[in-house]
Amino acid sequence: MSKINCWEFMKCGREPGGDRTAEFGVCPAAEDHSADGLNGGRNGGRICWAIAGTLCDGKIQGTFAEKRLLCFACDFFRQVKEEEGIGKFHVLKPGQVYSP
C-alpha cells in the first residue's frame, strides 16, 4: 500500500507541476530529498511539519518551532503518527534539533 504524502492529503497544489506553484512555488517538503523515506513518504511528504515553508491555512509557514502547535493539531500529522506507530514515527528529521 502506498502511503499518502501531505500534498495529496491537503490538495494544496504545491507539488512539482501542481496548480498553485505559480502562486506559492513548489513546496519545500516536496523537494526535500534529505527527508525521503521518513515516515514512508516521498521526500518530505510525510514529515512536512519539520520542514520550513510548507503551506497551511493558505499561508506559508515558518520553522517547526514556529508552527509545531498548529501541526500537532493537523489531521494529516495525526494520521501519519497513527499509521507509523510507536518506535517508527519521526517527529523531526535525523539530526534536526528542536529549539523553541
Protein backbone atom coordinates (compact mmCIF):
# COMPACT_ATOMS: atom_id res chain seq x y z
CA MET A 1 0.00 0.00 0.00
CA SER A 2 1.37 3.40 -0.99
CA LYS A 3 1.35 5.96 1.79
CA ILE A 4 -0.20 9.33 1.05
CA ASN A 5 2.02 12.43 1.10
CA CYS A 6 0.96 15.81 2.51
CA TRP A 7 0.33 17.46 -0.86
CA GLU A 8 -2.02 14.60 -1.78
CA PHE A 9 -3.82 14.73 1.57
CA MET A 10 -4.06 18.53 1.73
CA LYS A 11 -4.59 19.04 -2.01
CA CYS A 12 -2.50 22.22 -1.76
CA GLY A 13 -1.30 22.17 -5.37
CA ARG A 14 2.33 22.88 -4.40
CA GLU A 15 3.80 19.56 -5.56
CA PRO A 16 6.02 19.75 -8.68
CA GLY A 17 3.64 20.51 -11.56
CA GLY A 18 0.86 21.46 -9.13
CA ASP A 19 -1.75 24.06 -9.97
CA ARG A 20 -0.63 26.53 -7.27
CA THR A 21 3.12 26.53 -7.86
CA ALA A 22 2.95 29.74 -9.89
CA GLU A 23 1.35 31.47 -6.90
CA PHE A 24 3.25 29.87 -3.98
CA GLY A 25 6.15 27.96 -5.54
CA VAL A 26 6.93 24.27 -5.14
CA CYS A 27 6.59 23.17 -1.53
CA PRO A 28 9.91 22.57 0.24
CA ALA A 29 8.51 19.27 1.59
CA ALA A 30 8.01 18.02 -1.98
CA GLU A 31 11.65 18.80 -2.80
CA ASP A 32 13.42 17.84 0.44
CA HIS A 33 15.41 14.80 -0.65
CA SER A 34 17.09 14.56 2.77
CA ALA A 35 13.71 13.51 4.21
CA ASP A 36 12.98 10.89 1.53
CA GLY A 37 11.51 7.77 3.08
CA LEU A 38 10.89 9.22 6.53
CA ASN A 39 7.52 8.00 7.79
CA GLY A 40 7.25 6.16 4.48
CA GLY A 41 6.89 9.31 2.39
CA ARG A 42 8.37 10.69 -0.80
CA ASN A 43 10.89 13.42 0.01
CA GLY A 44 9.38 15.38 2.94
CA GLY A 45 5.82 14.37 2.15
CA ARG A 46 5.21 12.62 5.46
CA ILE A 47 7.29 14.87 7.72
CA CYS A 48 6.13 18.25 6.35
CA TRP A 49 5.73 19.71 9.85
CA ALA A 50 9.51 19.53 10.31
CA ILE A 51 10.20 21.47 7.10
CA ALA A 52 10.03 25.25 6.96
CA GLY A 53 7.98 26.90 4.22
CA THR A 54 5.08 24.45 3.97
CA LEU A 55 1.59 25.80 3.36
CA CYS A 56 -1.17 25.68 5.98
CA ASP A 57 -4.48 27.54 6.05
CA GLY A 58 -3.47 29.31 2.85
CA LYS A 59 -0.28 30.76 4.35
CA ILE A 60 3.34 29.76 4.02
CA GLN A 61 4.57 28.67 7.45
CA GLY A 62 7.90 29.09 9.21
CA THR A 63 10.11 26.71 11.15
CA PHE A 64 8.99 23.69 13.15
CA ALA A 65 9.34 25.70 16.38
CA GLU A 66 7.02 28.38 15.00
CA LYS A 67 4.37 26.04 13.62
CA ARG A 68 4.52 23.00 15.92
CA LEU A 69 1.24 23.61 17.78
CA LEU A 70 -0.67 24.09 14.55
CA CYS A 71 0.93 20.99 13.05
CA PHE A 72 0.32 18.79 16.10
CA ALA A 73 -3.41 19.55 15.73
CA CYS A 74 -3.36 18.74 11.99
CA ASP A 75 -5.37 15.74 10.76
CA PHE A 76 -2.50 14.71 8.46
CA PHE A 77 0.06 14.76 11.30
CA ARG A 78 -2.27 12.60 13.40
CA GLN A 79 -2.84 10.17 10.52
CA VAL A 80 0.88 9.72 9.87
CA LYS A 81 1.59 9.29 13.57
CA GLU A 82 -1.10 6.59 13.84
CA GLU A 83 -0.02 4.81 10.64
CA GLU A 84 3.64 4.71 11.62
CA GLY A 85 3.10 3.78 15.26
CA ILE A 86 5.36 3.95 18.27
CA GLY A 87 9.02 3.46 17.51
CA LYS A 88 8.73 4.18 13.78
CA PHE A 89 7.21 7.68 13.76
CA HIS A 90 9.62 10.57 13.12
CA VAL A 91 8.67 13.98 14.54
CA LEU A 92 11.93 15.55 13.31
CA LYS A 93 14.42 14.74 10.59
CA PRO A 94 17.55 12.92 11.82
CA GLY A 95 19.98 15.50 13.19
CA GLN A 96 17.30 18.18 13.37
CA VAL A 97 17.13 19.85 16.76
CA TYR A 98 14.02 21.41 18.26
CA SER A 99 14.80 24.86 19.59
CA PRO A 100 11.79 26.95 20.74
